[in-house]
């Protein structure tokens, strides 16, 4: 799933919306989207289906929070 195709997965789309709002002004939306898509890919088959939404948010949040501040400039 490419970062511009994230709308097809409701869990990814919802997580992008929430994290884009939380990281707005600090991280570009395209970076949020690609981070969430990568996290979703990494979680595939690794966690119980009922835990995917929470784990997706936590993993993507962690990765965005740990990004170097200069990475997107």
Protein backbone atom coordinates (compact mmCIF):
# COMPACT_ATOMS: atom_id res chain seq x y z
CA UNK A 1 0.00 0.00 0.00
CA UNK A 2 1.56 3.29 -1.08
CA UNK A 3 1.27 6.23 1.30
CA UNK A 4 -1.08 8.00 -1.13
CA UNK A 5 -3.38 4.95 -1.19
CA UNK A 6 -3.97 4.79 2.56
CA UNK A 7 -7.64 5.76 2.23
CA UNK A 8 -8.53 2.18 1.26
CA UNK A 9 -7.76 0.93 4.80
CA UNK A 10 -10.08 2.54 7.39
CA UNK A 11 -7.67 1.84 10.25
CA UNK A 12 -4.84 3.56 8.42
CA UNK A 13 -7.01 6.50 7.33
CA UNK A 14 -8.29 7.06 10.88
CA UNK A 15 -4.81 6.83 12.35
CA UNK A 16 -3.42 9.28 9.79
CA UNK A 17 -6.17 11.79 10.62
CA UNK A 18 -5.56 11.55 14.36
CA UNK A 19 -1.77 11.67 14.16
CA UNK A 20 -1.74 14.44 11.54
CA UNK A 21 -3.75 16.55 13.97
CA UNK A 22 -1.48 15.66 16.87
CA UNK A 23 1.76 16.27 14.97
CA UNK A 24 0.44 19.15 12.87
CA UNK A 25 3.02 21.86 12.35
CA UNK A 26 5.86 19.52 13.34
CA UNK A 27 5.58 16.68 10.82
CA UNK A 28 4.19 16.99 7.27
CA UNK A 29 1.01 15.00 6.62
CA UNK A 30 2.73 12.98 3.88
CA UNK A 31 5.32 11.82 6.43
CA UNK A 32 2.56 10.92 8.89
CA UNK A 33 0.80 8.92 6.16
CA UNK A 34 3.91 7.06 5.05
CA UNK A 35 4.84 6.30 8.67
CA UNK A 36 1.38 4.90 9.40
CA UNK A 37 1.39 2.83 6.20
CA UNK A 38 4.80 1.38 7.10
CA UNK A 39 3.65 0.62 10.64
CA UNK A 40 0.52 -1.10 9.29
CA UNK A 41 2.67 -3.22 7.00
CA UNK A 42 4.99 -4.14 9.89
CA UNK A 43 2.08 -5.16 12.13
CA UNK A 44 0.39 -7.33 9.49
CA UNK A 45 0.11 -10.84 10.91
CA UNK A 46 2.03 -9.89 14.07
CA UNK A 47 -0.83 -8.91 16.39
CA UNK A 48 -4.37 -10.10 17.00
CA UNK A 49 -6.85 -8.43 14.62
CA UNK A 50 -8.73 -6.81 17.50
CA UNK A 51 -5.52 -5.11 18.67
CA UNK A 52 -4.39 -3.73 15.31
CA UNK A 53 -6.01 -0.28 15.67
CA UNK A 54 -4.42 0.45 19.03
CA UNK A 55 -1.06 -1.02 18.13
CA UNK A 56 -1.02 0.86 14.82
CA UNK A 57 -1.58 4.16 16.60
CA UNK A 58 1.03 3.41 19.25
CA UNK A 59 3.71 2.23 16.81
CA UNK A 60 3.21 5.09 14.36
CA UNK A 61 3.11 7.63 17.21
CA UNK A 62 6.34 6.24 18.63
CA UNK A 63 8.07 6.41 15.25
CA UNK A 64 6.87 9.97 14.58
CA UNK A 65 7.85 11.10 18.06
CA UNK A 66 11.36 9.72 17.61
CA UNK A 67 11.98 11.31 14.19
CA UNK A 68 14.84 13.76 14.11
CA UNK A 69 13.44 17.29 13.96
CA UNK A 70 15.57 18.07 10.88
CA UNK A 71 14.48 14.98 8.90
CA UNK A 72 11.74 16.73 6.93
CA UNK A 73 13.33 20.07 6.19
